[in-house]
Structures are given as C-alpha cells and as structure tokens.
C-alpha cells in the first residue's frame, strides 16, 4: 500500500511566510492533510470537531499567529 502526496503552495496573508499544504491519500481511500512551514490550528470548539463539522487538519496557523493562510496552486516537489 502506498501513499500519494500532493503539495500546494501556501502563503500567510499577514506576514508573507511560505509553506505547503500536503494532501495525502492511499490505496484504501484514506486521506489526510498536513502542513509544512505552518502548524495545524486546533483551537476549535469540541462540539464542531466531535460532530465532524470541520476537519481540524484543514486549517493552519502561522508562527506570526495568523490563521489567514492562502492556499495556491499545486506544485511538483522533489526530494
């Protein structure tokens, strides 16, 4: 079983910091979102998280404290 990773440019609208939103999926249909250059923003009401109204990994927080992260186009990233 393997995972496919798609990288999208991400930029903080407040300070201009750059990073990536990484959308991953596997052969079994599982998926997850992670961030490179930003941390995952997890300050949501438990009610919304427990009812699965939001996916906490969908949102990021910059080191400047901003959660206004703009996700741009898909990029090819080589290791």
C-alpha atoms as a PDB file:
ATOM      1  CA  UNK A   1       0.000   0.000   0.000  1.00  0.00           C
ATOM      2  CA  UNK A   2       1.379   3.393  -0.899  1.00  0.00           C
ATOM      3  CA  UNK A   3       0.505   6.999  -0.209  1.00  0.00           C
ATOM      4  CA  UNK A   4       0.249   9.739  -2.837  1.00  0.00           C
ATOM      5  CA  UNK A   5       1.132  13.265  -1.727  1.00  0.00           C
ATOM      6  CA  UNK A   6       0.031  16.461  -3.467  1.00  0.00           C
ATOM      7  CA  UNK A   7       1.755  19.706  -2.458  1.00  0.00           C
ATOM      8  CA  UNK A   8       0.045  23.085  -2.714  1.00  0.00           C
ATOM      9  CA  UNK A   9       1.738  26.459  -2.210  1.00  0.00           C
ATOM     10  CA  UNK A  10       0.585  28.182   0.966  1.00  0.00           C
ATOM     11  CA  UNK A  11       1.226  31.792   1.994  1.00  0.00           C
ATOM     12  CA  UNK A  12       0.379  33.671   5.178  1.00  0.00           C
ATOM     13  CA  UNK A  13      -1.576  36.786   4.211  1.00  0.00           C
ATOM     14  CA  UNK A  14      -0.336  38.698   7.258  1.00  0.00           C
ATOM     15  CA  UNK A  15       3.444  38.211   7.155  1.00  0.00           C
ATOM     16  CA  UNK A  16       4.064  36.513   3.791  1.00  0.00           C
ATOM     17  CA  UNK A  17       5.576  33.313   5.231  1.00  0.00           C
ATOM     18  CA  UNK A  18       5.582  30.463   2.728  1.00  0.00           C
ATOM     19  CA  UNK A  19       4.994  26.752   3.125  1.00  0.00           C
ATOM     20  CA  UNK A  20       2.970  23.875   1.750  1.00  0.00           C
ATOM     21  CA  UNK A  21      -0.381  22.220   2.330  1.00  0.00           C
ATOM     22  CA  UNK A  22       0.086  18.483   1.786  1.00  0.00           C
ATOM     23  CA  UNK A  23      -2.935  16.442   0.791  1.00  0.00           C
ATOM     24  CA  UNK A  24      -2.270  12.699   1.035  1.00  0.00           C
ATOM     25  CA  UNK A  25      -4.313   9.635   0.134  1.00  0.00           C
ATOM     26  CA  UNK A  26      -3.707   5.889  -0.005  1.00  0.00           C
ATOM     27  CA  UNK A  27      -4.958   2.904  -1.976  1.00  0.00           C
ATOM     28  CA  UNK A  28      -7.691   2.210   0.569  1.00  0.00           C
ATOM     29  CA  UNK A  29      -9.312   5.614   0.175  1.00  0.00           C
ATOM     30  CA  UNK A  30      -7.975   7.096   3.403  1.00  0.00           C
ATOM     31  CA  UNK A  31      -6.873  10.704   3.283  1.00  0.00           C
ATOM     32  CA  UNK A  32      -5.194  13.259   5.497  1.00  0.00           C
ATOM     33  CA  UNK A  33      -3.959  16.830   5.346  1.00  0.00           C
ATOM     34  CA  UNK A  34      -0.717  18.090   6.840  1.00  0.00           C
ATOM     35  CA  UNK A  35       1.271  21.305   6.669  1.00  0.00           C
ATOM     36  CA  UNK A  36       4.917  22.107   6.027  1.00  0.00           C
ATOM     37  CA  UNK A  37       6.049  25.503   7.296  1.00  0.00           C
ATOM     38  CA  UNK A  38       2.868  26.033   9.345  1.00  0.00           C
ATOM     39  CA  UNK A  39       1.348  24.321  12.358  1.00  0.00           C
ATOM     40  CA  UNK A  40      -2.104  22.759  12.452  1.00  0.00           C
ATOM     41  CA  UNK A  41      -4.655  25.111  14.020  1.00  0.00           C
ATOM     42  CA  UNK A  42      -6.624  23.129  16.605  1.00  0.00           C
ATOM     43  CA  UNK A  43      -8.442  25.805  18.636  1.00  0.00           C
ATOM     44  CA  UNK A  44     -11.943  24.788  17.585  1.00  0.00           C
ATOM     45  CA  UNK A  45     -14.966  24.096  19.786  1.00  0.00           C
ATOM     46  CA  UNK A  46     -15.076  20.393  20.658  1.00  0.00           C
ATOM     47  CA  UNK A  47     -18.720  20.292  19.588  1.00  0.00           C
ATOM     48  CA  UNK A  48     -17.825  21.075  15.962  1.00  0.00           C
ATOM     49  CA  UNK A  49     -14.909  18.643  15.960  1.00  0.00           C
ATOM     50  CA  UNK A  50     -16.869  15.825  17.607  1.00  0.00           C
ATOM     51  CA  UNK A  51     -19.728  16.219  15.148  1.00  0.00           C
ATOM     52  CA  UNK A  52     -17.200  16.200  12.298  1.00  0.00           C
ATOM     53  CA  UNK A  53     -18.416  19.545  11.030  1.00  0.00           C
ATOM     54  CA  UNK A  54     -14.826  20.568  10.492  1.00  0.00           C
ATOM     55  CA  UNK A  55     -11.581  18.748   9.845  1.00  0.00           C
ATOM     56  CA  UNK A  56      -9.057  20.312  12.209  1.00  0.00           C
ATOM     57  CA  UNK A  57      -6.161  19.411   9.914  1.00  0.00           C
ATOM     58  CA  UNK A  58      -7.708  21.540   7.160  1.00  0.00           C
ATOM     59  CA  UNK A  59      -6.664  24.739   8.944  1.00  0.00           C
ATOM     60  CA  UNK A  60      -3.163  26.054   9.620  1.00  0.00           C
ATOM     61  CA  UNK A  61      -1.598  28.661  11.867  1.00  0.00           C
ATOM     62  CA  UNK A  62       1.491  30.716  11.033  1.00  0.00           C
ATOM     63  CA  UNK A  63       4.265  31.480  13.510  1.00  0.00           C
ATOM     64  CA  UNK A  64       3.056  35.116  13.481  1.00  0.00           C
ATOM     65  CA  UNK A  65      -0.263  33.886  14.933  1.00  0.00           C
ATOM     66  CA  UNK A  66      -2.377  34.379  11.822  1.00  0.00           C
ATOM     67  CA  UNK A  67      -4.778  31.711  10.602  1.00  0.00           C
ATOM     68  CA  UNK A  68      -5.346  33.528   7.297  1.00  0.00           C
ATOM     69  CA  UNK A  69      -3.388  31.139   5.086  1.00  0.00           C
ATOM     70  CA  UNK A  70      -3.951  31.314   1.347  1.00  0.00           C
ATOM     71  CA  UNK A  71      -3.567  28.011  -0.499  1.00  0.00           C
ATOM     72  CA  UNK A  72      -2.452  28.351  -4.101  1.00  0.00           C
ATOM     73  CA  UNK A  73      -1.695  26.081  -6.978  1.00  0.00           C
ATOM     74  CA  UNK A  74      -0.382  22.542  -6.932  1.00  0.00           C
ATOM     75  CA  UNK A  75       3.391  22.249  -7.224  1.00  0.00           C
ATOM     76  CA  UNK A  76       5.736  19.418  -8.091  1.00  0.00           C
ATOM     77  CA  UNK A  77       8.085  18.953  -5.169  1.00  0.00           C
ATOM     78  CA  UNK A  78      11.178  16.791  -5.476  1.00  0.00           C
ATOM     79  CA  UNK A  79      13.026  15.391  -2.505  1.00  0.00           C
END
